[in-house]
Amino acid sequence: MKRSFAVATLLFSMCLIGVAQTSMAPQMQNAPARKSPLAEYAGAWTGMFEGHTWLAVRLALQGGQISGTLQRPKDFQFANNGAIKSVSDEQLTEGVENAVVQGDGLLLTVKDPGTQQTDHYVMKLTGPGTAELKMVAMSMPPGMPKPQPWRLNKVTPNAVTPAR
């Protein structure tokens, strides 16, 4: 009697587990996948100056982290209003050391492999396939105007070779 009661209880428990798994499976299959807040930043981005690509940002999402590079002119000058006035032909490629969503943008910390100097930028999405990149937390020489954000467009990966 005890044995048949134990077997009946076991069978009843297994049936309940089976029903519970079956009833939850369709709901779990239809649940939306959680998208990383970094996903929209991933890709190749370029900035234009006088009809030429002068700035290239490549960002890849790997395991919940952003990695990549920022390629820019070694030297550039600003007009009095903070807009880019001129850029050098010599290019500098900095590696993304850290990328963190902060406020309404992505804070990028990049490092020059030659000098080990780090720079900080905030990338803010402004629309589908468009963004602004702004220099932040950098000391500017006295009298230098505050730089305006640079407009970026998302492009195919082959289109990110700055040419001046």
N, C-alpha and C. Protein backbone atom coordinates (compact mmCIF):
# COMPACT_ATOMS: atom_id res chain seq x y z
N MET A 1 0.82 -1.18 0.00
CA MET A 1 0.00 0.00 0.00
C MET A 1 0.87 1.27 0.00
N LYS A 2 1.88 1.27 0.90
CA LYS A 2 2.78 2.41 0.94
C LYS A 2 3.51 2.55 -0.39
N ARG A 3 3.84 1.43 -0.96
CA ARG A 3 4.59 1.42 -2.20
C ARG A 3 3.73 1.97 -3.35
N SER A 4 2.50 1.54 -3.45
CA SER A 4 1.63 2.03 -4.52
C SER A 4 1.31 3.52 -4.32
N PHE A 5 1.18 3.95 -3.08
CA PHE A 5 0.96 5.37 -2.80
C PHE A 5 2.18 6.20 -3.25
N ALA A 6 3.39 5.72 -2.99
CA ALA A 6 4.62 6.39 -3.38
C ALA A 6 4.73 6.46 -4.90
N VAL A 7 4.39 5.37 -5.58
CA VAL A 7 4.44 5.32 -7.05
C VAL A 7 3.40 6.29 -7.62
N ALA A 8 2.20 6.30 -7.06
CA ALA A 8 1.16 7.21 -7.53
C ALA A 8 1.56 8.66 -7.32
N THR A 9 2.15 8.98 -6.19
CA THR A 9 2.60 10.33 -5.89
C THR A 9 3.71 10.74 -6.87
N LEU A 10 4.62 9.83 -7.16
CA LEU A 10 5.70 10.10 -8.10
C LEU A 10 5.15 10.37 -9.50
N LEU A 11 4.22 9.53 -9.96
CA LEU A 11 3.63 9.72 -11.28
C LEU A 11 2.87 11.04 -11.36
N PHE A 12 2.13 11.37 -10.33
CA PHE A 12 1.38 12.62 -10.29
C PHE A 12 2.35 13.82 -10.36
N SER A 13 3.45 13.76 -9.61
CA SER A 13 4.45 14.83 -9.61
C SER A 13 5.08 14.99 -10.98
N MET A 14 5.39 13.89 -11.64
CA MET A 14 6.00 13.94 -12.97
C MET A 14 5.03 14.56 -13.98
N CYS A 15 3.75 14.22 -13.86
CA CYS A 15 2.74 14.81 -14.74
C CYS A 15 2.66 16.32 -14.54
N LEU A 16 2.67 16.76 -13.30
CA LEU A 16 2.63 18.20 -13.02
C LEU A 16 3.85 18.92 -13.60
N ILE A 17 5.00 18.32 -13.47
CA ILE A 17 6.22 18.91 -14.02
C ILE A 17 6.13 19.00 -15.53
N GLY A 18 5.65 17.94 -16.17
CA GLY A 18 5.49 17.93 -17.62
C GLY A 18 4.52 18.99 -18.10
N VAL A 19 3.41 19.15 -17.43
CA VAL A 19 2.43 20.18 -17.79
C VAL A 19 3.03 21.57 -17.60
N ALA A 20 3.73 21.77 -16.52
CA ALA A 20 4.34 23.08 -16.26
C ALA A 20 5.35 23.43 -17.34
N GLN A 21 6.18 22.48 -17.75
CA GLN A 21 7.18 22.75 -18.78
C GLN A 21 6.51 23.01 -20.12
N THR A 22 5.49 22.25 -20.44
CA THR A 22 4.80 22.41 -21.71
C THR A 22 4.08 23.75 -21.77
N SER A 23 3.45 24.16 -20.69
CA SER A 23 2.69 25.41 -20.71
C SER A 23 3.61 26.62 -20.74
N MET A 24 4.84 26.55 -20.24
CA MET A 24 5.74 27.69 -20.24
C MET A 24 6.56 27.78 -21.51
N ALA A 25 6.76 26.68 -22.21
CA ALA A 25 7.64 26.67 -23.38
C ALA A 25 7.19 27.66 -24.46
N PRO A 26 5.92 27.71 -24.89
CA PRO A 26 5.55 28.66 -25.93
C PRO A 26 5.74 30.11 -25.50
N GLN A 27 5.47 30.43 -24.25
CA GLN A 27 5.66 31.79 -23.78
C GLN A 27 7.13 32.18 -23.81
N MET A 28 7.98 31.27 -23.45
CA MET A 28 9.41 31.56 -23.44
C MET A 28 9.94 31.70 -24.85
N GLN A 29 9.37 30.94 -25.81
CA GLN A 29 9.82 31.03 -27.19
C GLN A 29 9.44 32.37 -27.81
N ASN A 30 8.32 32.93 -27.39
CA ASN A 30 7.86 34.20 -27.95
C ASN A 30 8.40 35.41 -27.21
N ALA A 31 9.12 35.21 -26.15
CA ALA A 31 9.67 36.33 -25.39
C ALA A 31 10.70 37.05 -26.24
N PRO A 32 10.67 38.38 -26.26
CA PRO A 32 11.65 39.11 -27.07
C PRO A 32 13.05 38.94 -26.51
N ALA A 33 14.01 38.82 -27.44
CA ALA A 33 15.41 38.69 -27.03
C ALA A 33 15.86 40.04 -26.49
N ARG A 34 16.62 40.01 -25.42
CA ARG A 34 17.14 41.25 -24.85
C ARG A 34 18.30 41.74 -25.70
N LYS A 35 18.17 42.93 -26.22
CA LYS A 35 19.20 43.51 -27.08
C LYS A 35 20.12 44.37 -26.23
N SER A 36 21.40 44.22 -26.46
CA SER A 36 22.38 45.01 -25.72
C SER A 36 22.24 46.49 -26.10
N PRO A 37 22.33 47.40 -25.13
CA PRO A 37 22.28 48.83 -25.46
C PRO A 37 23.47 49.26 -26.32
N LEU A 38 24.49 48.41 -26.40
CA LEU A 38 25.67 48.72 -27.21
C LEU A 38 25.49 48.35 -28.68
N ALA A 39 24.50 47.51 -28.98
CA ALA A 39 24.35 46.96 -30.33
C ALA A 39 24.21 48.03 -31.41
N GLU A 40 23.48 49.10 -31.13
CA GLU A 40 23.27 50.12 -32.16
C GLU A 40 24.54 50.93 -32.46
N TYR A 41 25.50 50.88 -31.58
CA TYR A 41 26.76 51.61 -31.81
C TYR A 41 27.72 50.78 -32.67
N ALA A 42 27.56 49.47 -32.67
CA ALA A 42 28.47 48.60 -33.42
C ALA A 42 28.36 48.88 -34.91
N GLY A 43 29.51 48.87 -35.57
CA GLY A 43 29.54 49.08 -37.02
C GLY A 43 30.66 50.03 -37.39
N ALA A 44 30.64 50.42 -38.65
CA ALA A 44 31.65 51.34 -39.19
C ALA A 44 31.00 52.71 -39.38
N TRP A 45 31.67 53.74 -38.91
CA TRP A 45 31.16 55.11 -38.95
C TRP A 45 32.22 56.01 -39.56
N THR A 46 31.80 57.01 -40.34
CA THR A 46 32.75 57.96 -40.92
C THR A 46 32.26 59.39 -40.73
N GLY A 47 33.23 60.30 -40.66
CA GLY A 47 32.97 61.73 -40.64
C GLY A 47 33.59 62.35 -41.88
N MET A 48 32.89 63.31 -42.47
CA MET A 48 33.36 63.94 -43.71
C MET A 48 33.80 65.38 -43.44
N PHE A 49 34.83 65.80 -44.18
CA PHE A 49 35.30 67.18 -44.14
C PHE A 49 35.75 67.53 -45.55
N GLU A 50 35.17 68.58 -46.11
CA GLU A 50 35.48 69.03 -47.47
C GLU A 50 35.39 67.89 -48.49
N GLY A 51 34.36 67.06 -48.34
CA GLY A 51 34.11 66.00 -49.31
C GLY A 51 34.95 64.75 -49.14
N HIS A 52 35.76 64.68 -48.11
CA HIS A 52 36.63 63.53 -47.87
C HIS A 52 36.37 62.95 -46.49
N THR A 53 36.57 61.65 -46.37
CA THR A 53 36.48 61.01 -45.05
C THR A 53 37.72 61.41 -44.26
N TRP A 54 37.50 62.03 -43.11
CA TRP A 54 38.63 62.45 -42.29
C TRP A 54 38.67 61.70 -40.96
N LEU A 55 37.57 61.04 -40.62
CA LEU A 55 37.44 60.36 -39.35
C LEU A 55 36.75 59.02 -39.57
N ALA A 56 37.29 57.96 -39.01
CA ALA A 56 36.68 56.64 -39.14
C ALA A 56 36.65 55.96 -37.78
N VAL A 57 35.48 55.45 -37.43
CA VAL A 57 35.29 54.75 -36.16
C VAL A 57 34.77 53.36 -36.50
N ARG A 58 35.47 52.34 -36.02
CA ARG A 58 35.04 50.95 -36.20
C ARG A 58 34.76 50.37 -34.82
N LEU A 59 33.53 49.95 -34.61
CA LEU A 59 33.15 49.39 -33.31
C LEU A 59 32.53 48.02 -33.51
N ALA A 60 32.98 47.05 -32.72
CA ALA A 60 32.45 45.68 -32.79
C ALA A 60 31.95 45.28 -31.41
N LEU A 61 30.79 44.63 -31.39
CA LEU A 61 30.22 44.14 -30.15
C LEU A 61 30.61 42.68 -30.00
N GLN A 62 31.35 42.38 -28.94
CA GLN A 62 31.81 41.02 -28.69
C GLN A 62 31.56 40.68 -27.23
N GLY A 63 30.65 39.74 -26.98
CA GLY A 63 30.39 39.30 -25.61
C GLY A 63 29.94 40.41 -24.68
N GLY A 64 29.12 41.32 -25.16
CA GLY A 64 28.62 42.39 -24.32
C GLY A 64 29.59 43.55 -24.14
N GLN A 65 30.70 43.55 -24.86
CA GLN A 65 31.71 44.62 -24.78
C GLN A 65 31.93 45.20 -26.18
N ILE A 66 32.24 46.48 -26.23
CA ILE A 66 32.59 47.14 -27.49
C ILE A 66 34.11 47.20 -27.59
N SER A 67 34.61 46.83 -28.76
CA SER A 67 36.04 47.00 -29.06
C SER A 67 36.12 47.69 -30.41
N GLY A 68 37.30 48.15 -30.76
CA GLY A 68 37.43 48.77 -32.07
C GLY A 68 38.54 49.79 -32.13
N THR A 69 38.44 50.67 -33.14
CA THR A 69 39.46 51.69 -33.36
C THR A 69 38.80 53.01 -33.76
N LEU A 70 39.55 54.08 -33.55
CA LEU A 70 39.19 55.41 -34.01
C LEU A 70 40.38 55.91 -34.81
N GLN A 71 40.16 56.19 -36.09
CA GLN A 71 41.23 56.67 -36.95
C GLN A 71 40.92 58.12 -37.29
N ARG A 72 41.91 58.98 -37.02
CA ARG A 72 41.71 60.42 -37.21
C ARG A 72 43.02 61.06 -37.65
N PRO A 73 42.96 62.31 -38.13
CA PRO A 73 44.20 63.01 -38.45
C PRO A 73 45.02 63.24 -37.19
N LYS A 74 46.32 63.22 -37.35
CA LYS A 74 47.18 63.48 -36.19
C LYS A 74 46.98 64.90 -35.69
N ASP A 75 46.81 65.83 -36.60
CA ASP A 75 46.62 67.24 -36.24
C ASP A 75 45.39 67.78 -36.96
N PHE A 76 44.64 68.61 -36.25
CA PHE A 76 43.54 69.34 -36.87
C PHE A 76 43.37 70.66 -36.17
N GLN A 77 42.80 71.62 -36.88
CA GLN A 77 42.60 72.96 -36.33
C GLN A 77 41.12 73.29 -36.36
N PHE A 78 40.74 74.16 -35.42
CA PHE A 78 39.34 74.56 -35.30
C PHE A 78 39.17 76.02 -35.68
N ALA A 79 38.01 76.32 -36.28
CA ALA A 79 37.63 77.70 -36.55
C ALA A 79 37.17 78.33 -35.24
N ASN A 80 36.93 79.62 -35.23
CA ASN A 80 36.50 80.32 -34.02
C ASN A 80 35.19 79.78 -33.45
N ASN A 81 34.34 79.22 -34.30
CA ASN A 81 33.06 78.68 -33.82
C ASN A 81 33.17 77.23 -33.35
N GLY A 82 34.37 76.64 -33.38
CA GLY A 82 34.58 75.26 -32.92
C GLY A 82 34.44 74.21 -34.00
N ALA A 83 34.12 74.62 -35.23
CA ALA A 83 34.03 73.67 -36.35
C ALA A 83 35.45 73.32 -36.82
N ILE A 84 35.58 72.17 -37.45
CA ILE A 84 36.88 71.77 -38.01
C ILE A 84 37.26 72.77 -39.11
N LYS A 85 38.49 73.27 -39.04
CA LYS A 85 39.00 74.24 -40.02
C LYS A 85 39.94 73.56 -41.02
N SER A 86 40.80 72.69 -40.49
CA SER A 86 41.73 71.95 -41.36
C SER A 86 42.18 70.68 -40.65
N VAL A 87 42.60 69.70 -41.46
CA VAL A 87 43.09 68.43 -40.92
C VAL A 87 44.38 68.06 -41.64
N SER A 88 45.27 67.37 -40.93
CA SER A 88 46.54 66.94 -41.52
C SER A 88 46.33 65.66 -42.32
N ASP A 89 47.26 65.38 -43.21
CA ASP A 89 47.21 64.14 -43.99
C ASP A 89 47.64 62.94 -43.15
N GLU A 90 48.53 63.19 -42.18
CA GLU A 90 49.03 62.10 -41.34
C GLU A 90 47.91 61.59 -40.42
N GLN A 91 47.70 60.27 -40.44
CA GLN A 91 46.62 59.66 -39.67
C GLN A 91 47.15 58.99 -38.41
N LEU A 92 46.29 58.93 -37.41
CA LEU A 92 46.57 58.31 -36.13
C LEU A 92 45.44 57.31 -35.85
N THR A 93 45.79 56.08 -35.50
CA THR A 93 44.78 55.09 -35.16
C THR A 93 44.89 54.76 -33.68
N GLU A 94 43.80 55.00 -32.97
CA GLU A 94 43.74 54.75 -31.53
C GLU A 94 42.81 53.57 -31.28
N GLY A 95 43.19 52.69 -30.36
CA GLY A 95 42.37 51.55 -30.00
C GLY A 95 41.38 51.89 -28.91
N VAL A 96 40.17 51.33 -29.01
CA VAL A 96 39.16 51.55 -27.97
C VAL A 96 39.54 50.72 -26.75
N GLU A 97 39.83 51.39 -25.66
CA GLU A 97 40.20 50.73 -24.41
C GLU A 97 38.98 50.40 -23.57
N ASN A 98 37.97 51.27 -23.65
CA ASN A 98 36.78 51.09 -22.82
C ASN A 98 35.61 51.78 -23.51
N ALA A 99 34.42 51.21 -23.39
CA ALA A 99 33.20 51.81 -23.93
C ALA A 99 32.07 51.53 -22.97
N VAL A 100 31.44 52.61 -22.49
CA VAL A 100 30.39 52.49 -21.48
C VAL A 100 29.23 53.39 -21.87
N VAL A 101 28.01 52.84 -21.84
CA VAL A 101 26.83 53.67 -22.06
C VAL A 101 26.69 54.58 -20.85
N GLN A 102 26.62 55.87 -21.14
CA GLN A 102 26.57 56.86 -20.06
C GLN A 102 25.60 57.96 -20.50
N GLY A 103 24.53 58.13 -19.75
CA GLY A 103 23.53 59.12 -20.12
C GLY A 103 22.90 58.75 -21.45
N ASP A 104 22.94 59.66 -22.41
CA ASP A 104 22.35 59.38 -23.72
C ASP A 104 23.40 59.09 -24.79
N GLY A 105 24.58 58.64 -24.37
CA GLY A 105 25.63 58.35 -25.33
C GLY A 105 26.57 57.26 -24.86
N LEU A 106 27.54 56.97 -25.70
CA LEU A 106 28.55 55.95 -25.43
C LEU A 106 29.87 56.66 -25.15
N LEU A 107 30.39 56.51 -23.94
CA LEU A 107 31.66 57.11 -23.57
C LEU A 107 32.77 56.17 -24.05
N LEU A 108 33.58 56.66 -24.97
CA LEU A 108 34.70 55.88 -25.53
C LEU A 108 36.01 56.40 -24.96
N THR A 109 36.81 55.50 -24.44
CA THR A 109 38.17 55.83 -24.02
C THR A 109 39.08 55.15 -25.03
N VAL A 110 39.88 55.95 -25.73
CA VAL A 110 40.78 55.42 -26.75
C VAL A 110 42.22 55.71 -26.36
N LYS A 111 43.13 54.85 -26.83
CA LYS A 111 44.54 55.02 -26.47
C LYS A 111 45.41 55.00 -27.73
N ASP A 112 46.32 55.97 -27.78
CA ASP A 112 47.31 56.02 -28.85
C ASP A 112 48.38 54.99 -28.53
N PRO A 113 48.59 53.98 -29.40
CA PRO A 113 49.57 52.93 -29.09
C PRO A 113 51.01 53.44 -29.02
N GLY A 114 51.28 54.54 -29.69
CA GLY A 114 52.65 55.07 -29.68
C GLY A 114 52.97 55.83 -28.40
N THR A 115 52.07 56.70 -27.97
CA THR A 115 52.34 57.55 -26.81
C THR A 115 51.67 57.05 -25.53
N GLN A 116 50.74 56.10 -25.66
CA GLN A 116 49.95 55.58 -24.54
C GLN A 116 49.01 56.63 -23.95
N GLN A 117 48.85 57.75 -24.64
CA GLN A 117 47.94 58.81 -24.19
C GLN A 117 46.51 58.37 -24.45
N THR A 118 45.62 58.63 -23.49
CA THR A 118 44.21 58.30 -23.67
C THR A 118 43.41 59.57 -23.96
N ASP A 119 42.41 59.41 -24.80
CA ASP A 119 41.48 60.47 -25.12
C ASP A 119 40.07 59.95 -24.86
N HIS A 120 39.13 60.86 -24.66
CA HIS A 120 37.75 60.49 -24.35
C HIS A 120 36.80 61.18 -25.32
N TYR A 121 35.84 60.42 -25.79
CA TYR A 121 34.83 60.92 -26.71
C TYR A 121 33.47 60.39 -26.25
N VAL A 122 32.42 61.14 -26.55
CA VAL A 122 31.06 60.65 -26.35
C VAL A 122 30.42 60.55 -27.72
N MET A 123 29.92 59.36 -28.02
CA MET A 123 29.21 59.12 -29.27
C MET A 123 27.73 59.06 -28.96
N LYS A 124 26.98 59.94 -29.58
CA LYS A 124 25.54 60.03 -29.34
C LYS A 124 24.80 59.72 -30.64
N LEU A 125 23.90 58.74 -30.60
CA LEU A 125 23.09 58.41 -31.76
C LEU A 125 22.08 59.53 -31.98
N THR A 126 21.98 60.02 -33.23
CA THR A 126 21.07 61.11 -33.53
C THR A 126 19.94 60.70 -34.45
N GLY A 127 20.01 59.50 -35.00
CA GLY A 127 18.98 58.99 -35.90
C GLY A 127 19.43 57.65 -36.43
N PRO A 128 18.61 57.04 -37.29
CA PRO A 128 19.02 55.75 -37.88
C PRO A 128 20.27 55.94 -38.75
N GLY A 129 21.36 55.35 -38.33
CA GLY A 129 22.60 55.42 -39.10
C GLY A 129 23.35 56.74 -38.99
N THR A 130 22.98 57.59 -38.01
CA THR A 130 23.71 58.84 -37.82
C THR A 130 24.06 59.01 -36.34
N ALA A 131 25.16 59.70 -36.11
CA ALA A 131 25.61 59.92 -34.74
C ALA A 131 26.46 61.19 -34.70
N GLU A 132 26.76 61.63 -33.49
CA GLU A 132 27.69 62.72 -33.27
C GLU A 132 28.78 62.22 -32.33
N LEU A 133 30.00 62.63 -32.61
CA LEU A 133 31.14 62.30 -31.76
C LEU A 133 31.68 63.60 -31.20
N LYS A 134 31.84 63.64 -29.88
CA LYS A 134 32.26 64.86 -29.21
C LYS A 134 33.48 64.56 -28.33
N MET A 135 34.47 65.43 -28.41
CA MET A 135 35.64 65.33 -27.54
C MET A 135 35.20 65.73 -26.13
N VAL A 136 35.62 64.97 -25.12
CA VAL A 136 35.29 65.31 -23.74
C VAL A 136 36.50 65.09 -22.85
N ALA A 137 36.51 65.76 -21.73
CA ALA A 137 37.54 65.60 -20.69
C ALA A 137 38.95 65.73 -21.24
N MET A 138 39.13 66.63 -22.21
CA MET A 138 40.46 66.86 -22.76
C MET A 138 40.84 68.31 -22.48
N SER A 139 42.07 68.52 -22.09
CA SER A 139 42.51 69.89 -21.84
C SER A 139 42.83 70.55 -23.17
N MET A 140 42.29 71.74 -23.36
CA MET A 140 42.50 72.50 -24.59
C MET A 140 43.46 73.64 -24.30
N PRO A 141 44.28 73.98 -25.27
CA PRO A 141 45.18 75.12 -25.08
C PRO A 141 44.38 76.40 -24.84
N PRO A 142 44.94 77.34 -24.10
CA PRO A 142 44.24 78.61 -23.85
C PRO A 142 43.86 79.29 -25.16
N GLY A 143 42.63 79.81 -25.19
CA GLY A 143 42.15 80.52 -26.37
C GLY A 143 41.59 79.62 -27.46
N MET A 144 41.74 78.32 -27.32
CA MET A 144 41.21 77.40 -28.33
C MET A 144 39.70 77.29 -28.14
N PRO A 145 38.93 77.40 -29.24
CA PRO A 145 37.48 77.30 -29.10
C PRO A 145 37.05 75.88 -28.73
N LYS A 146 35.90 75.80 -28.07
CA LYS A 146 35.34 74.50 -27.71
C LYS A 146 34.90 73.79 -28.99
N PRO A 147 35.43 72.59 -29.27
CA PRO A 147 35.09 71.90 -30.51
C PRO A 147 33.60 71.51 -30.57
N GLN A 148 33.02 71.67 -31.75
CA GLN A 148 31.66 71.22 -31.99
C GLN A 148 31.68 69.70 -32.17
N PRO A 149 30.55 69.02 -31.91
CA PRO A 149 30.49 67.57 -32.19
C PRO A 149 30.67 67.32 -33.69
N TRP A 150 31.24 66.17 -34.00
CA TRP A 150 31.46 65.79 -35.39
C TRP A 150 30.35 64.84 -35.82
N ARG A 151 29.80 65.08 -36.99
CA ARG A 151 28.73 64.23 -37.52
C ARG A 151 29.33 62.96 -38.11
N LEU A 152 28.69 61.83 -37.77
CA LEU A 152 29.11 60.54 -38.29
C LEU A 152 27.95 59.87 -39.01
N ASN A 153 28.28 59.09 -40.03
CA ASN A 153 27.30 58.27 -40.73
C ASN A 153 27.76 56.83 -40.70
N LYS A 154 26.81 55.93 -40.48
CA LYS A 154 27.13 54.50 -40.49
C LYS A 154 27.29 54.07 -41.94
N VAL A 155 28.35 53.33 -42.21
CA VAL A 155 28.68 52.91 -43.58
C VAL A 155 29.04 51.43 -43.59
N THR A 156 29.25 50.90 -44.78
CA THR A 156 29.73 49.52 -44.88
C THR A 156 31.17 49.48 -44.41
N PRO A 157 31.64 48.35 -43.87
CA PRO A 157 33.00 48.28 -43.32
C PRO A 157 34.11 48.67 -44.30
N ASN A 158 33.94 48.46 -45.61
CA ASN A 158 34.99 48.78 -46.59
C ASN A 158 35.12 50.29 -46.80
N ALA A 159 34.15 51.07 -46.39
CA ALA A 159 34.13 52.50 -46.69
C ALA A 159 34.78 53.35 -45.61
N VAL A 160 35.56 52.79 -44.73
CA VAL A 160 36.08 53.56 -43.60
C VAL A 160 37.56 53.89 -43.69
N THR A 161 38.10 54.01 -44.87
CA THR A 161 39.51 54.39 -44.98
C THR A 161 39.61 55.89 -45.17
N PRO A 162 40.03 56.63 -44.14
CA PRO A 162 40.16 58.08 -44.29
C PRO A 162 41.18 58.42 -45.37
N ALA A 163 40.83 59.33 -46.23
CA ALA A 163 41.73 59.76 -47.29
C ALA A 163 41.73 61.28 -47.35
N ARG A 164 42.88 61.85 -47.29
CA ARG A 164 43.02 63.32 -47.40
C ARG A 164 44.11 63.66 -48.35
